[in-house]
C-alpha atoms as a PDB file:
ATOM      1  CA  MET A   1      -2.324 -84.904  -1.644  1.00  0.00           C
ATOM      2  CA  LYS A   2      -0.427 -85.928   1.477  1.00  0.00           C
ATOM      3  CA  ASN A   3       2.820 -84.643  -0.092  1.00  0.00           C
ATOM      4  CA  ILE A   4       1.209 -81.217  -0.779  1.00  0.00           C
ATOM      5  CA  VAL A   5      -0.125 -80.979   2.811  1.00  0.00           C
ATOM      6  CA  PHE A   6       3.311 -81.954   4.206  1.00  0.00           C
ATOM      7  CA  PHE A   7       5.028 -79.318   1.974  1.00  0.00           C
ATOM      8  CA  LEU A   8       2.572 -76.582   3.078  1.00  0.00           C
ATOM      9  CA  MET A   9       3.005 -77.452   6.742  1.00  0.00           C
ATOM     10  CA  THR A  10       6.802 -77.472   6.437  1.00  0.00           C
ATOM     11  CA  PHE A  11       6.768 -74.066   4.667  1.00  0.00           C
ATOM     12  CA  ILE A  12       4.554 -72.578   7.411  1.00  0.00           C
ATOM     13  CA  LEU A  13       6.797 -73.899  10.165  1.00  0.00           C
ATOM     14  CA  LEU A  14       9.943 -72.634   8.523  1.00  0.00           C
ATOM     15  CA  SER A  15       8.363 -69.223   7.927  1.00  0.00           C
ATOM     16  CA  ALA A  16       7.300 -69.037  11.540  1.00  0.00           C
ATOM     17  CA  CYS A  17      10.770 -69.908  12.794  1.00  0.00           C
ATOM     18  CA  LYS A  18      12.513 -67.412  10.511  1.00  0.00           C
ATOM     19  CA  LYS A  19      13.877 -64.456  12.455  1.00  0.00           C
ATOM     20  CA  ASP A  20      12.341 -61.099  11.711  1.00  0.00           C
ATOM     21  CA  LYS A  21      14.542 -58.819   9.675  1.00  0.00           C
ATOM     22  CA  SER A  22      16.593 -56.378  11.669  1.00  0.00           C
ATOM     23  CA  PRO A  23      16.010 -52.641  11.273  1.00  0.00           C
ATOM     24  CA  THR A  24      19.570 -52.616   9.855  1.00  0.00           C
ATOM     25  CA  ASP A  25      18.399 -54.399   6.703  1.00  0.00           C
ATOM     26  CA  ASP A  26      18.283 -52.092   3.709  1.00  0.00           C
ATOM     27  CA  ASP A  27      15.302 -53.976   2.312  1.00  0.00           C
ATOM     28  CA  ASN A  28      13.349 -53.515   5.522  1.00  0.00           C
ATOM     29  CA  PRO A  29      12.936 -49.722   5.791  1.00  0.00           C
ATOM     30  CA  VAL A  30      11.958 -48.176   9.094  1.00  0.00           C
ATOM     31  CA  THR A  31       8.528 -46.513   9.092  1.00  0.00           C
ATOM     32  CA  VAL A  32       8.416 -45.495  12.813  1.00  0.00           C
ATOM     33  CA  PHE A  33      11.187 -43.075  13.684  1.00  0.00           C
ATOM     34  CA  ARG A  34      10.302 -42.397  17.293  1.00  0.00           C
ATOM     35  CA  PHE A  35       9.226 -44.998  19.871  1.00  0.00           C
ATOM     36  CA  THR A  36       9.404 -46.142  23.459  1.00  0.00           C
ATOM     37  CA  ASP A  37      11.009 -49.508  24.292  1.00  0.00           C
ATOM     38  CA  THR A  38      12.051 -51.504  27.324  1.00  0.00           C
ATOM     39  CA  ILE A  39      14.762 -53.918  28.407  1.00  0.00           C
ATOM     40  CA  ILE A  40      15.096 -55.964  31.624  1.00  0.00           C
ATOM     41  CA  VAL A  41      18.218 -55.378  33.674  1.00  0.00           C
ATOM     42  CA  ASP A  42      18.673 -57.111  37.022  1.00  0.00           C
ATOM     43  CA  GLY A  43      14.955 -57.896  37.090  1.00  0.00           C
ATOM     44  CA  LEU A  44      13.949 -54.247  36.553  1.00  0.00           C
ATOM     45  CA  GLU A  45      12.024 -53.088  33.486  1.00  0.00           C
ATOM     46  CA  ARG A  46      13.953 -50.095  32.134  1.00  0.00           C
ATOM     47  CA  THR A  47      12.339 -47.806  29.628  1.00  0.00           C
ATOM     48  CA  PHE A  48      13.740 -45.469  27.026  1.00  0.00           C
ATOM     49  CA  ILE A  49      12.708 -43.358  24.048  1.00  0.00           C
ATOM     50  CA  VAL A  50      14.527 -43.762  20.749  1.00  0.00           C
ATOM     51  CA  ASN A  51      14.556 -41.040  18.079  1.00  0.00           C
ATOM     52  CA  LEU A  52      15.868 -42.010  14.624  1.00  0.00           C
ATOM     53  CA  PRO A  53      16.790 -39.203  12.202  1.00  0.00           C
ATOM     54  CA  PRO A  54      14.674 -38.676   9.021  1.00  0.00           C
ATOM     55  CA  ASN A  55      17.491 -39.938   6.791  1.00  0.00           C
ATOM     56  CA  TYR A  56      17.847 -43.261   8.717  1.00  0.00           C
ATOM     57  CA  ASN A  57      16.734 -45.450   5.776  1.00  0.00           C
ATOM     58  CA  ASN A  58      19.177 -43.799   3.302  1.00  0.00           C
ATOM     59  CA  ALA A  59      22.399 -43.760   5.346  1.00  0.00           C
ATOM     60  CA  ALA A  60      24.495 -45.762   7.796  1.00  0.00           C
ATOM     61  CA  ASP A  61      27.324 -45.302  10.326  1.00  0.00           C
ATOM     62  CA  PHE A  62      25.116 -43.228  12.664  1.00  0.00           C
ATOM     63  CA  SER A  63      26.369 -41.708  15.885  1.00  0.00           C
ATOM     64  CA  LEU A  64      24.434 -42.479  19.027  1.00  0.00           C
ATOM     65  CA  VAL A  65      23.935 -39.913  21.780  1.00  0.00           C
ATOM     66  CA  ILE A  66      22.595 -41.068  25.178  1.00  0.00           C
ATOM     67  CA  ALA A  67      20.799 -38.145  26.883  1.00  0.00           C
ATOM     68  CA  MET A  68      20.073 -38.567  30.595  1.00  0.00           C
ATOM     69  CA  HIS A  69      17.548 -36.446  32.472  1.00  0.00           C
ATOM     70  CA  GLY A  70      18.092 -34.807  35.857  1.00  0.00           C
ATOM     71  CA  GLY A  71      16.767 -36.182  39.156  1.00  0.00           C
ATOM     72  CA  GLY A  72      13.015 -35.960  39.237  1.00  0.00           C
ATOM     73  CA  GLY A  73      12.725 -35.725  35.520  1.00  0.00           C
ATOM     74  CA  SER A  74      12.164 -38.292  32.814  1.00  0.00           C
ATOM     75  CA  GLY A  75      13.323 -39.099  29.317  1.00  0.00           C
ATOM     76  CA  ARG A  76      10.210 -37.514  27.832  1.00  0.00           C
ATOM     77  CA  GLN A  77      10.649 -34.341  29.873  1.00  0.00           C
ATOM     78  CA  PHE A  78      14.339 -33.999  29.044  1.00  0.00           C
ATOM     79  CA  ASP A  79      13.614 -34.522  25.314  1.00  0.00           C
ATOM     80  CA  SER A  80      11.058 -31.726  25.437  1.00  0.00           C
ATOM     81  CA  THR A  81      13.067 -29.196  27.494  1.00  0.00           C
ATOM     82  CA  SER A  82      16.477 -29.844  25.927  1.00  0.00           C
ATOM     83  CA  ARG A  83      15.163 -29.900  22.356  1.00  0.00           C
ATOM     84  CA  LEU A  84      17.833 -32.523  21.619  1.00  0.00           C
ATOM     85  CA  SER A  85      15.598 -34.487  19.205  1.00  0.00           C
ATOM     86  CA  THR A  86      15.309 -31.443  16.999  1.00  0.00           C
ATOM     87  CA  LYS A  87      19.103 -31.172  16.936  1.00  0.00           C
ATOM     88  CA  ALA A  88      19.445 -34.897  16.258  1.00  0.00           C
ATOM     89  CA  ASN A  89      17.029 -34.774  13.333  1.00  0.00           C
ATOM     90  CA  ALA A  90      18.791 -31.712  11.875  1.00  0.00           C
ATOM     91  CA  GLU A  91      22.263 -33.243  12.182  1.00  0.00           C
ATOM     92  CA  ASN A  92      21.272 -36.847  11.443  1.00  0.00           C
ATOM     93  CA  PHE A  93      22.328 -38.778  14.546  1.00  0.00           C
ATOM     94  CA  ILE A  94      20.380 -41.178  16.722  1.00  0.00           C
ATOM     95  CA  ILE A  95      19.449 -40.139  20.189  1.00  0.00           C
ATOM     96  CA  VAL A  96      18.072 -42.154  23.114  1.00  0.00           C
ATOM     97  CA  PHE A  97      16.418 -40.797  26.258  1.00  0.00           C
ATOM     98  CA  PRO A  98      16.529 -43.453  28.978  1.00  0.00           C
ATOM     99  CA  ASP A  99      14.479 -43.203  32.170  1.00  0.00           C
ATOM    100  CA  GLY A 100      16.062 -43.322  35.610  1.00  0.00           C
ATOM    101  CA  ASN A 101      14.825 -45.749  38.217  1.00  0.00           C
ATOM    102  CA  LYS A 102      11.516 -44.645  39.749  1.00  0.00           C
ATOM    103  CA  GLY A 103      11.364 -44.399  43.499  1.00  0.00           C
ATOM    104  CA  ALA A 104       8.727 -46.073  45.588  1.00  0.00           C
ATOM    105  CA  GLY A 105       7.350 -42.888  47.032  1.00  0.00           C
ATOM    106  CA  PRO A 106       4.017 -41.270  46.073  1.00  0.00           C
ATOM    107  CA  LEU A 107       5.822 -38.971  43.575  1.00  0.00           C
ATOM    108  CA  GLY A 108       7.745 -41.842  41.909  1.00  0.00           C
ATOM    109  CA  ILE A 109      10.837 -39.642  41.496  1.00  0.00           C
ATOM    110  CA  ARG A 110      13.267 -40.941  38.879  1.00  0.00           C
ATOM    111  CA  THR A 111      17.014 -40.793  39.744  1.00  0.00           C
ATOM    112  CA  TRP A 112      20.276 -42.271  38.628  1.00  0.00           C
ATOM    113  CA  ASN A 113      22.928 -44.070  40.746  1.00  0.00           C
ATOM    114  CA  ALA A 114      25.920 -41.862  39.990  1.00  0.00           C
ATOM    115  CA  GLY A 115      27.834 -43.188  43.010  1.00  0.00           C
ATOM    116  CA  GLY A 116      27.218 -40.705  45.772  1.00  0.00           C
ATOM    117  CA  CYS A 117      23.956 -39.338  44.366  1.00  0.00           C
ATOM    118  CA  CYS A 118      21.020 -39.577  44.050  1.00  0.00           C
ATOM    119  CA  GLY A 119      17.856 -40.753  45.743  1.00  0.00           C
ATOM    120  CA  ALA A 120      16.321 -44.197  45.553  1.00  0.00           C
ATOM    121  CA  ALA A 121      18.698 -45.288  42.782  1.00  0.00           C
ATOM    122  CA  VAL A 122      21.562 -45.056  45.266  1.00  0.00           C
ATOM    123  CA  THR A 123      19.582 -46.360  48.227  1.00  0.00           C
ATOM    124  CA  ASN A 124      18.553 -49.423  46.234  1.00  0.00           C
ATOM    125  CA  ASN A 125      21.975 -49.763  44.656  1.00  0.00           C
ATOM    126  CA  VAL A 126      20.468 -49.746  41.175  1.00  0.00           C
ATOM    127  CA  ASN A 127      23.144 -50.669  38.555  1.00  0.00           C
ATOM    128  CA  ASP A 128      22.626 -47.891  36.123  1.00  0.00           C
ATOM    129  CA  VAL A 129      26.043 -48.391  34.491  1.00  0.00           C
ATOM    130  CA  LYS A 130      24.969 -51.937  33.568  1.00  0.00           C
ATOM    131  CA  PHE A 131      21.641 -50.583  32.268  1.00  0.00           C
ATOM    132  CA  ILE A 132      23.374 -48.116  29.920  1.00  0.00           C
ATOM    133  CA  ARG A 133      25.936 -50.728  28.806  1.00  0.00           C
ATOM    134  CA  ASN A 134      23.148 -53.148  27.971  1.00  0.00           C
ATOM    135  CA  LEU A 135      21.137 -50.392  26.261  1.00  0.00           C
ATOM    136  CA  ILE A 136      24.175 -49.546  24.038  1.00  0.00           C
ATOM    137  CA  ASP A 137      24.548 -53.196  23.082  1.00  0.00           C
ATOM    138  CA  GLU A 138      20.844 -53.484  22.324  1.00  0.00           C
ATOM    139  CA  LEU A 139      20.776 -50.429  20.104  1.00  0.00           C
ATOM    140  CA  VAL A 140      24.005 -51.197  18.296  1.00  0.00           C
ATOM    141  CA  ALA A 141      22.772 -54.735  17.531  1.00  0.00           C
ATOM    142  CA  ASN A 142      19.509 -53.499  16.024  1.00  0.00           C
ATOM    143  CA  TYR A 143      20.259 -50.161  14.409  1.00  0.00           C
ATOM    144  CA  LYS A 144      22.825 -48.752  12.033  1.00  0.00           C
ATOM    145  CA  ILE A 145      25.058 -47.340  14.758  1.00  0.00           C
ATOM    146  CA  ASN A 146      28.824 -47.089  14.635  1.00  0.00           C
ATOM    147  CA  PRO A 147      29.913 -48.489  18.020  1.00  0.00           C
ATOM    148  CA  LYS A 148      32.936 -46.183  18.009  1.00  0.00           C
ATOM    149  CA  LYS A 149      30.609 -43.163  17.910  1.00  0.00           C
ATOM    150  CA  VAL A 150      28.570 -43.528  21.150  1.00  0.00           C
ATOM    151  CA  TYR A 151      28.384 -40.504  23.441  1.00  0.00           C
ATOM    152  CA  ALA A 152      26.786 -39.573  26.813  1.00  0.00           C
ATOM    153  CA  THR A 153      25.295 -36.335  27.946  1.00  0.00           C
ATOM    154  CA  GLY A 154      23.013 -35.400  30.769  1.00  0.00           C
ATOM    155  CA  HIS A 155      21.794 -32.670  33.074  1.00  0.00           C
ATOM    156  CA  SER A 156      22.291 -32.614  36.843  1.00  0.00           C
ATOM    157  CA  ASN A 157      21.974 -36.202  38.142  1.00  0.00           C
ATOM    158  CA  GLY A 158      22.109 -37.359  34.536  1.00  0.00           C
ATOM    159  CA  GLY A 159      25.362 -35.439  34.021  1.00  0.00           C
ATOM    160  CA  MET A 160      26.755 -37.184  37.098  1.00  0.00           C
ATOM    161  CA  LEU A 161      25.989 -40.524  35.563  1.00  0.00           C
ATOM    162  CA  SER A 162      27.825 -39.374  32.425  1.00  0.00           C
ATOM    163  CA  TYR A 163      30.955 -38.986  34.564  1.00  0.00           C
ATOM    164  CA  ARG A 164      30.456 -42.427  36.099  1.00  0.00           C
ATOM    165  CA  LEU A 165      30.010 -43.976  32.693  1.00  0.00           C
ATOM    166  CA  ALA A 166      33.281 -42.315  31.591  1.00  0.00           C
ATOM    167  CA  CYS A 167      34.994 -43.974  34.563  1.00  0.00           C
ATOM    168  CA  GLU A 168      33.335 -47.388  34.299  1.00  0.00           C
ATOM    169  CA  ALA A 169      32.335 -47.766  30.666  1.00  0.00           C
ATOM    170  CA  ALA A 170      35.115 -46.010  28.763  1.00  0.00           C
ATOM    171  CA  ASP A 171      35.150 -48.959  26.363  1.00  0.00           C
ATOM    172  CA  LYS A 172      31.630 -48.030  25.218  1.00  0.00           C
ATOM    173  CA  ILE A 173      31.575 -44.223  25.565  1.00  0.00           C
ATOM    174  CA  ALA A 174      33.701 -42.133  23.186  1.00  0.00           C
ATOM    175  CA  ALA A 175      33.156 -38.790  24.965  1.00  0.00           C
ATOM    176  CA  ILE A 176      30.881 -37.078  27.493  1.00  0.00           C
ATOM    177  CA  ALA A 177      29.150 -33.678  27.761  1.00  0.00           C
ATOM    178  CA  PRO A 178      27.670 -33.242  31.303  1.00  0.00           C
ATOM    179  CA  ASN A 179      25.835 -30.066  32.364  1.00  0.00           C
ATOM    180  CA  GLY A 180      24.972 -28.599  35.767  1.00  0.00           C
ATOM    181  CA  CYS A 181      26.557 -31.363  37.808  1.00  0.00           C
ATOM    182  CA  SER A 182      29.693 -32.609  39.500  1.00  0.00           C
ATOM    183  CA  MET A 183      31.350 -36.056  39.646  1.00  0.00           C
ATOM    184  CA  SER A 184      29.934 -37.909  42.602  1.00  0.00           C
ATOM    185  CA  LEU A 185      31.785 -41.179  42.992  1.00  0.00           C
ATOM    186  CA  LEU A 186      32.416 -43.402  46.066  1.00  0.00           C
ATOM    187  CA  SER A 187      35.721 -44.698  44.776  1.00  0.00           C
ATOM    188  CA  PRO A 188      38.489 -43.289  42.596  1.00  0.00           C
ATOM    189  CA  CYS A 189      37.858 -43.056  38.818  1.00  0.00           C
ATOM    190  CA  ASN A 190      39.688 -45.832  37.003  1.00  0.00           C
ATOM    191  CA  ALA A 191      38.786 -45.049  33.390  1.00  0.00           C
ATOM    192  CA  SER A 192      40.358 -47.567  31.032  1.00  0.00           C
ATOM    193  CA  ARG A 193      41.334 -44.787  28.595  1.00  0.00           C
ATOM    194  CA  PRO A 194      41.367 -41.024  28.223  1.00  0.00           C
ATOM    195  CA  VAL A 195      37.778 -39.734  27.795  1.00  0.00           C
ATOM    196  CA  PRO A 196      37.173 -36.323  26.262  1.00  0.00           C
ATOM    197  CA  VAL A 197      34.998 -34.115  28.500  1.00  0.00           C
ATOM    198  CA  LEU A 198      32.870 -31.057  27.677  1.00  0.00           C
ATOM    199  CA  HIS A 199      31.427 -29.579  30.904  1.00  0.00           C
ATOM    200  CA  MET A 200      28.826 -26.791  31.033  1.00  0.00           C
ATOM    201  CA  HIS A 201      27.795 -24.941  34.167  1.00  0.00           C
ATOM    202  CA  SER A 202      26.468 -21.612  35.445  1.00  0.00           C
ATOM    203  CA  VAL A 203      27.887 -19.550  38.247  1.00  0.00           C
ATOM    204  CA  LEU A 204      24.303 -18.972  39.401  1.00  0.00           C
ATOM    205  CA  ASP A 205      23.642 -22.706  39.862  1.00  0.00           C
ATOM    206  CA  THR A 206      22.826 -23.193  43.536  1.00  0.00           C
ATOM    207  CA  GLN A 207      21.682 -26.784  43.271  1.00  0.00           C
ATOM    208  CA  VAL A 208      25.120 -27.968  42.227  1.00  0.00           C
ATOM    209  CA  PRO A 209      27.542 -25.117  43.095  1.00  0.00           C
ATOM    210  CA  TYR A 210      30.458 -24.959  40.703  1.00  0.00           C
ATOM    211  CA  MET A 211      32.759 -24.096  43.578  1.00  0.00           C
ATOM    212  CA  GLY A 212      31.613 -27.200  45.452  1.00  0.00           C
ATOM    213  CA  GLY A 213      29.531 -27.777  48.553  1.00  0.00           C
ATOM    214  CA  VAL A 214      26.084 -28.893  49.512  1.00  0.00           C
ATOM    215  CA  GLY A 215      23.458 -27.740  47.012  1.00  0.00           C
ATOM    216  CA  THR A 216      19.981 -26.381  47.583  1.00  0.00           C
ATOM    217  CA  GLY A 217      18.300 -29.304  45.847  1.00  0.00           C
ATOM    218  CA  ILE A 218      16.518 -32.272  47.406  1.00  0.00           C
ATOM    219  CA  SER A 219      19.583 -34.571  47.378  1.00  0.00           C
ATOM    220  CA  ASN A 220      21.439 -32.862  50.273  1.00  0.00           C
ATOM    221  CA  ALA A 221      24.623 -34.288  48.819  1.00  0.00           C
ATOM    222  CA  TYR A 222      28.086 -32.734  48.884  1.00  0.00           C
ATOM    223  CA  PHE A 223      29.469 -31.927  45.410  1.00  0.00           C
ATOM    224  CA  PRO A 224      33.213 -31.599  44.740  1.00  0.00           C
ATOM    225  CA  PRO A 225      34.232 -28.339  43.061  1.00  0.00           C
ATOM    226  CA  LEU A 226      34.458 -28.393  39.299  1.00  0.00           C
ATOM    227  CA  ASP A 227      38.133 -27.290  39.218  1.00  0.00           C
ATOM    228  CA  SER A 228      39.089 -30.467  41.175  1.00  0.00           C
ATOM    229  CA  VAL A 229      36.871 -32.698  39.063  1.00  0.00           C
ATOM    230  CA  LEU A 230      38.367 -31.492  35.824  1.00  0.00           C
ATOM    231  CA  ASN A 231      41.904 -31.676  37.237  1.00  0.00           C
ATOM    232  CA  VAL A 232      41.221 -35.383  37.917  1.00  0.00           C
ATOM    233  CA  TRP A 233      40.335 -35.786  34.257  1.00  0.00           C
ATOM    234  CA  SER A 234      43.309 -33.652  33.174  1.00  0.00           C
ATOM    235  CA  ASN A 235      45.600 -36.086  34.971  1.00  0.00           C
ATOM    236  CA  ARG A 236      43.728 -39.148  33.742  1.00  0.00           C
ATOM    237  CA  ASN A 237      43.728 -37.868  30.119  1.00  0.00           C
ATOM    238  CA  GLY A 238      47.416 -37.011  30.243  1.00  0.00           C
ATOM    239  CA  CYS A 239      47.016 -33.331  29.534  1.00  0.00           C
ATOM    240  CA  ASN A 240      50.575 -31.994  29.540  1.00  0.00           C
ATOM    241  CA  ASN A 241      49.915 -28.278  29.963  1.00  0.00           C
ATOM    242  CA  SER A 242      48.076 -26.004  32.305  1.00  0.00           C
ATOM    243  CA  PRO A 243      44.432 -25.195  31.445  1.00  0.00           C
ATOM    244  CA  GLN A 244      44.186 -22.257  28.979  1.00  0.00           C
ATOM    245  CA  ILE A 245      41.450 -19.635  29.370  1.00  0.00           C
ATOM    246  CA  VAL A 246      40.291 -19.110  25.803  1.00  0.00           C
ATOM    247  CA  VAL A 247      37.345 -16.728  26.485  1.00  0.00           C
ATOM    248  CA  ASN A 248      36.583 -14.722  29.558  1.00  0.00           C
ATOM    249  CA  ASN A 249      34.037 -11.989  29.190  1.00  0.00           C
ATOM    250  CA  SER A 250      30.764 -10.768  30.732  1.00  0.00           C
ATOM    251  CA  GLN A 251      28.851 -13.742  29.357  1.00  0.00           C
ATOM    252  CA  TYR A 252      30.963 -16.802  29.930  1.00  0.00           C
ATOM    253  CA  LYS A 253      34.398 -18.205  30.496  1.00  0.00           C
ATOM    254  CA  LEU A 254      35.789 -21.074  28.358  1.00  0.00           C
ATOM    255  CA  THR A 255      38.715 -23.070  29.736  1.00  0.00           C
ATOM    256  CA  ARG A 256      40.505 -25.740  27.701  1.00  0.00           C
ATOM    257  CA  TRP A 257      42.932 -28.477  28.513  1.00  0.00           C
ATOM    258  CA  ASN A 258      44.917 -29.319  25.368  1.00  0.00           C
ATOM    259  CA  SER A 259      47.920 -31.491  24.499  1.00  0.00           C
ATOM    260  CA  CYS A 260      46.161 -34.505  26.098  1.00  0.00           C
ATOM    261  CA  SER A 261      46.806 -38.167  25.336  1.00  0.00           C
ATOM    262  CA  ASN A 262      44.826 -39.776  22.543  1.00  0.00           C
ATOM    263  CA  ASN A 263      42.868 -36.544  21.870  1.00  0.00           C
ATOM    264  CA  GLY A 264      41.432 -36.609  25.381  1.00  0.00           C
ATOM    265  CA  SER A 265      40.679 -32.909  25.363  1.00  0.00           C
ATOM    266  CA  ILE A 266      38.648 -31.116  28.044  1.00  0.00           C
ATOM    267  CA  GLN A 267      36.464 -28.027  27.626  1.00  0.00           C
ATOM    268  CA  TYR A 268      34.711 -26.145  30.438  1.00  0.00           C
ATOM    269  CA  TYR A 269      32.096 -23.537  29.775  1.00  0.00           C
ATOM    270  CA  LEU A 270      31.096 -21.392  32.870  1.00  0.00           C
ATOM    271  CA  THR A 271      28.236 -18.955  32.113  1.00  0.00           C
ATOM    272  CA  GLN A 272      27.339 -15.811  34.026  1.00  0.00           C
ATOM    273  CA  ASP A 273      23.646 -16.140  33.279  1.00  0.00           C
ATOM    274  CA  GLY A 274      21.150 -18.943  33.705  1.00  0.00           C
ATOM    275  CA  GLY A 275      21.175 -21.366  36.667  1.00  0.00           C
ATOM    276  CA  HIS A 276      20.405 -25.035  37.078  1.00  0.00           C
ATOM    277  CA  GLY A 277      19.076 -25.571  33.603  1.00  0.00           C
ATOM    278  CA  TRP A 278      19.990 -26.836  30.130  1.00  0.00           C
ATOM    279  CA  PRO A 279      21.746 -23.955  28.186  1.00  0.00           C
ATOM    280  CA  GLY A 280      19.690 -22.929  25.178  1.00  0.00           C
ATOM    281  CA  GLY A 281      16.713 -25.050  26.321  1.00  0.00           C
ATOM    282  CA  LEU A 282      13.560 -24.615  28.273  1.00  0.00           C
ATOM    283  CA  PRO A 283      13.225 -24.638  32.052  1.00  0.00           C
ATOM    284  CA  GLY A 284      12.961 -28.193  33.408  1.00  0.00           C
ATOM    285  CA  GLY A 285       9.680 -27.519  35.208  1.00  0.00           C
ATOM    286  CA  PRO A 286       7.344 -24.776  36.433  1.00  0.00           C
ATOM    287  CA  ASN A 287       9.670 -23.766  39.305  1.00  0.00           C
ATOM    288  CA  SER A 288      12.962 -24.395  37.551  1.00  0.00           C
ATOM    289  CA  ASP A 289      15.733 -21.878  36.723  1.00  0.00           C
ATOM    290  CA  VAL A 290      15.710 -20.131  33.419  1.00  0.00           C
ATOM    291  CA  PRO A 291      18.565 -21.712  31.412  1.00  0.00           C
ATOM    292  CA  SER A 292      21.558 -19.812  30.035  1.00  0.00           C
ATOM    293  CA  VAL A 293      21.126 -18.139  26.644  1.00  0.00           C
ATOM    294  CA  VAL A 294      24.766 -17.201  26.039  1.00  0.00           C
ATOM    295  CA  ILE A 295      25.711 -20.733  25.023  1.00  0.00           C
ATOM    296  CA  ASP A 296      23.773 -23.491  23.382  1.00  0.00           C
ATOM    297  CA  ALA A 297      24.447 -26.952  24.859  1.00  0.00           C
ATOM    298  CA  ASN A 298      23.112 -28.809  21.813  1.00  0.00           C
ATOM    299  CA  ASN A 299      25.402 -27.061  19.332  1.00  0.00           C
ATOM    300  CA  LEU A 300      28.422 -27.320  21.665  1.00  0.00           C
ATOM    301  CA  LEU A 301      28.087 -30.995  22.465  1.00  0.00           C
ATOM    302  CA  TRP A 302      27.435 -32.039  18.910  1.00  0.00           C
ATOM    303  CA  ASN A 303      30.431 -30.057  17.646  1.00  0.00           C
ATOM    304  CA  PHE A 304      32.507 -31.641  20.433  1.00  0.00           C
ATOM    305  CA  PHE A 305      31.341 -35.210  19.803  1.00  0.00           C
ATOM    306  CA  GLN A 306      32.094 -35.134  16.141  1.00  0.00           C
ATOM    307  CA  GLN A 307      35.801 -34.613  17.054  1.00  0.00           C
ATOM    308  CA  HIS A 308      36.029 -37.845  18.990  1.00  0.00           C
ATOM    309  CA  GLN A 309      35.421 -41.571  18.590  1.00  0.00           C
ATOM    310  CA  LEU A 310      36.683 -44.714  20.242  1.00  0.00           C
ATOM    311  CA  PRO A 311      40.055 -46.038  19.093  1.00  0.00           C
END
C-alpha cells in the first residue's frame, strides 16, 4: 500500500513540475486566436494584443508584423482604425499591437519614446526599443514565427518608433513601413545593416509636415523633412543611384531608391489627398483627418514586407 501511495505522489509531483506545452507544439492546437498579454520591462507592465491567423494550427514559418499606434492612441484603437488584423487574417501572418507608455495625466495619453518625440515616454526616458526587442523574443519563443521575418510599422509617433527600431534593432527588424511621421532621433542613426524602408505620407498632413517643421499636433516637436530622412537611409543602405520618380500624377507620387546594398530598397508614397491618417483605414478619432483613399497602406506594406527578410 505504501508503495502505491509513494508512486501516486511521485507521479503527481512530476506532472505538476512538467512544463506546459508551447503553442508551437503541433499536438497542442491553439483555440484562442486573439488575446491581450503583458510583459514586464524595466519594472513597467507593458501590454499588447496578439492576433493569430485562422490557419495558425495548420502551418508554420509565420511572419510577424509589429503595428504601433500614434500618440494618444492605443493598440486596440489602431487595430480597429487600420484594419490590419483583417489583412493579417486574409494573408496569414501574425500581428501584434503593443501599447505605448501611459502618461500620468488625467487623460493617460500613451506615447512612444522615438528619441526626440513624444510626451511622457520621452520625459520619463521609457526604453521602448527594449520593450519591442523583448516582445519579439517573447513571441518568437512561444509561437511559430520565423525570426527572419519580423517587421515594424506604425502611424505618427508609432512610425517614428519604427525608424528608431531600424536604427537600434536592425538585428531583429527585417524592414519597416512608417506612415505620417518623420525620424526623430537625438543621435545619428547607426543601423547595423541596411534596412528596407516603405514610407507613406500626405501633402495635407499638418501634424507632421512632409517638408519638415513644427507640426500642429500636441507634441510641439520639430520634424526633419522627409527628403533628408530618406537620404539618410539611402546613404545607410548604400543606394548607388539617384531616387527615381516612378509615378507622379494628381493622386500620388511614388519615389524609389534602387540598386541598394543587400536589397535595402526604399519606397516613398506621397499622396495628394488625406491628411494625418492611415491610408485606406478609418479616421483615428472623432476629430481626426480623413485618411487617403488613393493608396492602401495595408496592401502596400504587406507586398513590401514579403520582399525582405533578415540575412
